[in-house]
């Protein structure tokens, strides 16, 4: 379950984040990057956050199809009609993890910036 969620979390992060190396904000990261552009240590950070999040999610919604998607959107205060499920419970929990962004390093790999 955790690996499936990790994949969804990263995919959501990539299609909702921009390559800001360009002055105009650049393209969405999913145009040129994938989960393979994160190092193992960066993926471990995401995996750890997801695991901590899951530990706190009420059991009746742990198997929600888009839970990892909602986690990314809510923690980053992004609005989406896709994030209305269990808003009170999930929204506040996800927000407690703080905002996180992805950036492209000088080595062309992706990193989380907290």
Protein backbone atom coordinates (compact mmCIF):
# COMPACT_ATOMS: atom_id res chain seq x y z
CA UNK A 1 0.00 0.00 0.00
CA UNK A 2 2.76 2.46 0.91
CA UNK A 3 4.57 2.04 -2.42
CA UNK A 4 1.34 2.55 -4.38
CA UNK A 5 0.70 5.70 -2.36
CA UNK A 6 4.26 6.90 -2.89
CA UNK A 7 3.82 6.59 -6.66
CA UNK A 8 0.52 8.53 -6.55
CA UNK A 9 2.01 11.17 -4.24
CA UNK A 10 5.01 11.76 -6.53
CA UNK A 11 2.88 11.77 -9.68
CA UNK A 12 0.56 14.34 -8.11
CA UNK A 13 3.51 16.44 -6.99
CA UNK A 14 5.02 16.41 -10.49
CA UNK A 15 1.87 17.37 -12.39
CA UNK A 16 1.06 20.15 -9.93
CA UNK A 17 4.57 21.68 -9.68
CA UNK A 18 6.47 23.86 -12.11
CA UNK A 19 10.07 23.78 -13.24
CA UNK A 20 10.96 27.20 -11.89
CA UNK A 21 14.40 27.39 -13.43
CA UNK A 22 12.81 29.52 -16.15
CA UNK A 23 11.82 33.10 -15.38
CA UNK A 24 8.30 32.51 -16.71
CA UNK A 25 7.75 29.67 -14.24
CA UNK A 26 8.53 26.93 -16.73
CA UNK A 27 6.57 23.83 -17.58
CA UNK A 28 4.91 21.40 -15.23
CA UNK A 29 7.54 19.02 -13.90
CA UNK A 30 5.77 15.93 -15.21
CA UNK A 31 6.61 17.03 -18.77
CA UNK A 32 10.31 16.27 -18.29
CA UNK A 33 10.66 14.39 -15.00
CA UNK A 34 9.41 11.25 -13.27
CA UNK A 35 9.77 9.41 -9.98
CA UNK A 36 13.12 8.15 -11.30
CA UNK A 37 14.55 11.66 -11.05
CA UNK A 38 14.45 11.60 -7.25
CA UNK A 39 17.30 10.05 -5.31
CA UNK A 40 16.62 7.20 -2.92
CA UNK A 41 17.08 9.57 0.03
CA UNK A 42 14.49 12.02 -1.36
CA UNK A 43 12.02 9.19 -1.96
CA UNK A 44 12.69 8.00 1.59
CA UNK A 45 11.67 11.46 2.85
CA UNK A 46 8.37 11.21 0.98
CA UNK A 47 7.88 7.62 2.13
CA UNK A 48 8.47 8.69 5.75
CA UNK A 49 5.95 11.55 5.49
CA UNK A 50 3.37 9.23 3.95
CA UNK A 51 3.93 6.63 6.64
CA UNK A 52 3.54 9.20 9.42
CA UNK A 53 0.43 10.56 7.70
CA UNK A 54 -1.07 7.07 7.35
CA UNK A 55 -0.43 6.34 11.02
CA UNK A 56 -2.70 9.28 11.88
CA UNK A 57 -5.42 8.76 9.25
CA UNK A 58 -8.61 7.24 10.67
CA UNK A 59 -8.94 3.60 9.64
CA UNK A 60 -12.28 4.15 7.91
CA UNK A 61 -10.61 6.30 5.22
CA UNK A 62 -7.16 4.68 4.92
CA UNK A 63 -8.11 2.94 1.70
CA UNK A 64 -9.50 6.04 0.01
CA UNK A 65 -8.44 5.85 -3.62
CA UNK A 66 -6.81 9.27 -3.85
CA UNK A 67 -5.50 9.64 -0.31
CA UNK A 68 -1.90 10.35 -1.36
CA UNK A 69 -3.14 12.87 -3.93
CA UNK A 70 -5.20 14.59 -1.26
CA UNK A 71 -2.23 14.59 1.13
CA UNK A 72 -0.05 16.46 -1.40
CA UNK A 73 -2.78 18.95 -2.25
CA UNK A 74 -3.89 19.65 1.31
CA UNK A 75 -0.42 19.93 2.82
CA UNK A 76 0.42 22.50 0.14
CA UNK A 77 -2.87 24.39 0.48
CA UNK A 78 -3.74 23.77 -3.17
CA UNK A 79 -7.40 23.91 -4.06
CA UNK A 80 -9.05 21.23 -6.10
CA UNK A 81 -12.53 19.82 -6.42
CA UNK A 82 -10.78 16.44 -6.11
CA UNK A 83 -9.87 17.18 -2.50
CA UNK A 84 -13.29 17.53 -0.92
CA UNK A 85 -13.42 14.04 0.60
CA UNK A 86 -13.29 13.97 4.40
CA UNK A 87 -12.07 17.53 4.24
CA UNK A 88 -12.20 18.20 7.96
CA UNK A 89 -10.18 15.15 8.96
CA UNK A 90 -7.71 14.89 6.10
CA UNK A 91 -7.27 18.61 5.42
CA UNK A 92 -6.18 19.54 8.93
CA UNK A 93 -3.98 16.47 9.31
CA UNK A 94 -2.22 17.07 5.98
CA UNK A 95 -1.74 20.78 6.73
CA UNK A 96 0.02 19.86 9.97
CA UNK A 97 2.87 18.39 7.88
CA UNK A 98 3.68 21.80 6.42
CA UNK A 99 4.16 22.89 2.85
CA UNK A 100 6.73 21.23 0.64
CA UNK A 101 7.98 22.04 -2.84
CA UNK A 102 9.99 20.25 -5.49
CA UNK A 103 12.95 21.90 -7.14
CA UNK A 104 15.41 20.88 -9.84
CA UNK A 105 18.95 20.79 -8.54
CA UNK A 106 22.05 21.82 -10.46
CA UNK A 107 22.61 18.11 -11.04
CA UNK A 108 19.18 17.92 -12.81
CA UNK A 109 17.78 15.69 -10.05
CA UNK A 110 14.63 16.53 -8.10
CA UNK A 111 14.61 17.51 -4.44
CA UNK A 112 12.06 18.41 -1.78
CA UNK A 113 12.41 21.84 -0.24
CA UNK A 114 10.83 22.20 3.18
